[in-house]
Amino acid sequence: MIKKPSFISFFIAVHIILIFLQVHKHTLFIKHNYTQQMYEKKINALQDKKQQLTQELYALKDREAIKKFAHDTLQMRPYTLRQITKLSLNNHDTKL
């Protein structure tokens, strides 16, 4: 049988190990919660960025914005009927 002093020291050692394992488990839990919060913040930031870029895309697809960009930035003007000329194609130019 086990002697009384060795049983007590074994009992105390097992409890100390269990305490350290419980602290380790709690530390891992906190670490994983922090990581989860960090990823949730990144997801929210990326969703906000996606929404912002989608709004910018719809704004750039707006017909009036395209006309304004072409007129102001590219200095494009609409054609008048006098500027349009008919080009005649010769038979020699239409070789396939």
Protein backbone atom coordinates (compact mmCIF):
# COMPACT_ATOMS: atom_id res chain seq x y z
CA MET A 1 0.00 0.00 0.00
CA ILE A 2 0.93 3.61 -0.33
CA LYS A 3 2.32 5.29 2.75
CA LYS A 4 0.42 8.25 4.09
CA PRO A 5 3.14 10.92 3.44
CA SER A 6 3.70 9.77 -0.16
CA PHE A 7 -0.07 9.73 -0.81
CA ILE A 8 -0.40 13.29 0.45
CA SER A 9 2.53 14.50 -1.67
CA PHE A 10 1.08 12.68 -4.70
CA PHE A 11 -2.34 14.22 -4.01
CA ILE A 12 -0.85 17.73 -3.73
CA ALA A 13 1.26 17.28 -6.89
CA VAL A 14 -1.76 16.16 -8.91
CA HIS A 15 -3.77 19.16 -7.73
CA ILE A 16 -0.95 21.57 -8.56
CA ILE A 17 -0.74 20.10 -12.07
CA LEU A 18 -4.51 20.41 -12.48
CA ILE A 19 -4.36 24.04 -11.39
CA PHE A 20 -1.65 24.79 -13.96
CA LEU A 21 -3.65 23.00 -16.67
CA GLN A 22 -6.74 25.04 -15.78
CA VAL A 23 -4.73 28.28 -15.98
CA HIS A 24 -3.27 27.17 -19.32
CA LYS A 25 -6.76 26.37 -20.66
CA HIS A 26 -8.03 29.77 -19.55
CA THR A 27 -5.05 31.50 -21.18
CA LEU A 28 -5.70 29.69 -24.48
CA PHE A 29 -9.37 30.62 -24.29
CA ILE A 30 -8.52 34.31 -23.86
CA LYS A 31 -5.97 34.14 -26.68
CA HIS A 32 -8.49 32.59 -29.07
CA ASN A 33 -11.16 35.12 -28.10
CA TYR A 34 -8.74 37.95 -28.87
CA THR A 35 -7.90 36.38 -32.25
CA GLN A 36 -11.60 35.95 -33.03
CA GLN A 37 -12.29 39.60 -32.20
CA MET A 38 -9.40 40.70 -34.42
CA TYR A 39 -10.77 38.67 -37.36
CA GLU A 40 -14.29 40.00 -36.80
CA LYS A 41 -12.95 43.56 -36.92
CA LYS A 42 -11.14 42.75 -40.18
CA ILE A 43 -14.31 41.25 -41.63
CA ASN A 44 -16.30 44.36 -40.70
CA ALA A 45 -13.64 46.63 -42.19
CA LEU A 46 -13.58 44.61 -45.40
CA GLN A 47 -17.38 44.65 -45.64
CA ASP A 48 -17.35 48.44 -45.22
CA LYS A 49 -14.65 48.74 -47.90
CA LYS A 50 -16.67 46.49 -50.23
CA GLN A 51 -19.77 48.61 -49.73
CA GLN A 52 -17.80 51.80 -50.36
CA LEU A 53 -16.25 50.39 -53.55
CA THR A 54 -19.65 49.18 -54.76
CA GLN A 55 -21.07 52.68 -54.27
CA GLU A 56 -18.12 54.17 -56.16
CA LEU A 57 -18.67 51.67 -58.99
CA TYR A 58 -22.35 52.62 -59.30
CA ALA A 59 -21.38 56.29 -59.22
CA LEU A 60 -18.84 55.74 -62.01
CA LYS A 61 -21.42 53.85 -64.10
CA ASP A 62 -23.75 56.85 -63.95
CA ARG A 63 -24.34 58.21 -67.45
CA GLU A 64 -24.11 61.85 -66.38
CA ALA A 65 -20.80 61.23 -64.58
CA ILE A 66 -19.39 59.60 -67.72
CA LYS A 67 -20.49 62.56 -69.85
CA LYS A 68 -19.00 65.03 -67.39
CA PHE A 69 -15.70 63.11 -67.26
CA ALA A 70 -15.51 62.94 -71.07
CA HIS A 71 -16.36 66.62 -71.42
CA ASP A 72 -14.19 68.05 -68.63
CA THR A 73 -11.21 65.72 -68.39
CA LEU A 74 -10.88 64.37 -71.93
CA GLN A 75 -12.09 67.57 -73.63
CA MET A 76 -14.53 65.62 -75.80
CA ARG A 77 -17.39 67.42 -77.53
CA PRO A 78 -20.51 65.98 -79.14
CA TYR A 79 -20.57 65.75 -82.93
CA THR A 80 -22.74 67.98 -85.04
CA LEU A 81 -24.29 66.87 -88.31
CA ARG A 82 -21.91 69.10 -90.29
CA GLN A 83 -18.92 67.23 -88.86
CA ILE A 84 -20.17 63.85 -90.07
CA THR A 85 -19.05 62.94 -93.58
CA LYS A 86 -19.79 59.89 -95.62
CA LEU A 87 -16.84 57.77 -96.62
CA SER A 88 -17.15 55.87 -99.82
CA LEU A 89 -15.44 52.53 -100.08
CA ASN A 90 -13.75 51.56 -103.29
CA ASN A 91 -13.87 48.00 -104.48
CA HIS A 92 -10.11 47.72 -103.95
CA ASP A 93 -10.33 48.53 -100.26
CA THR A 94 -12.74 45.76 -99.33
CA LYS A 95 -10.56 42.68 -99.73
CA LEU A 96 -11.08 39.88 -97.24
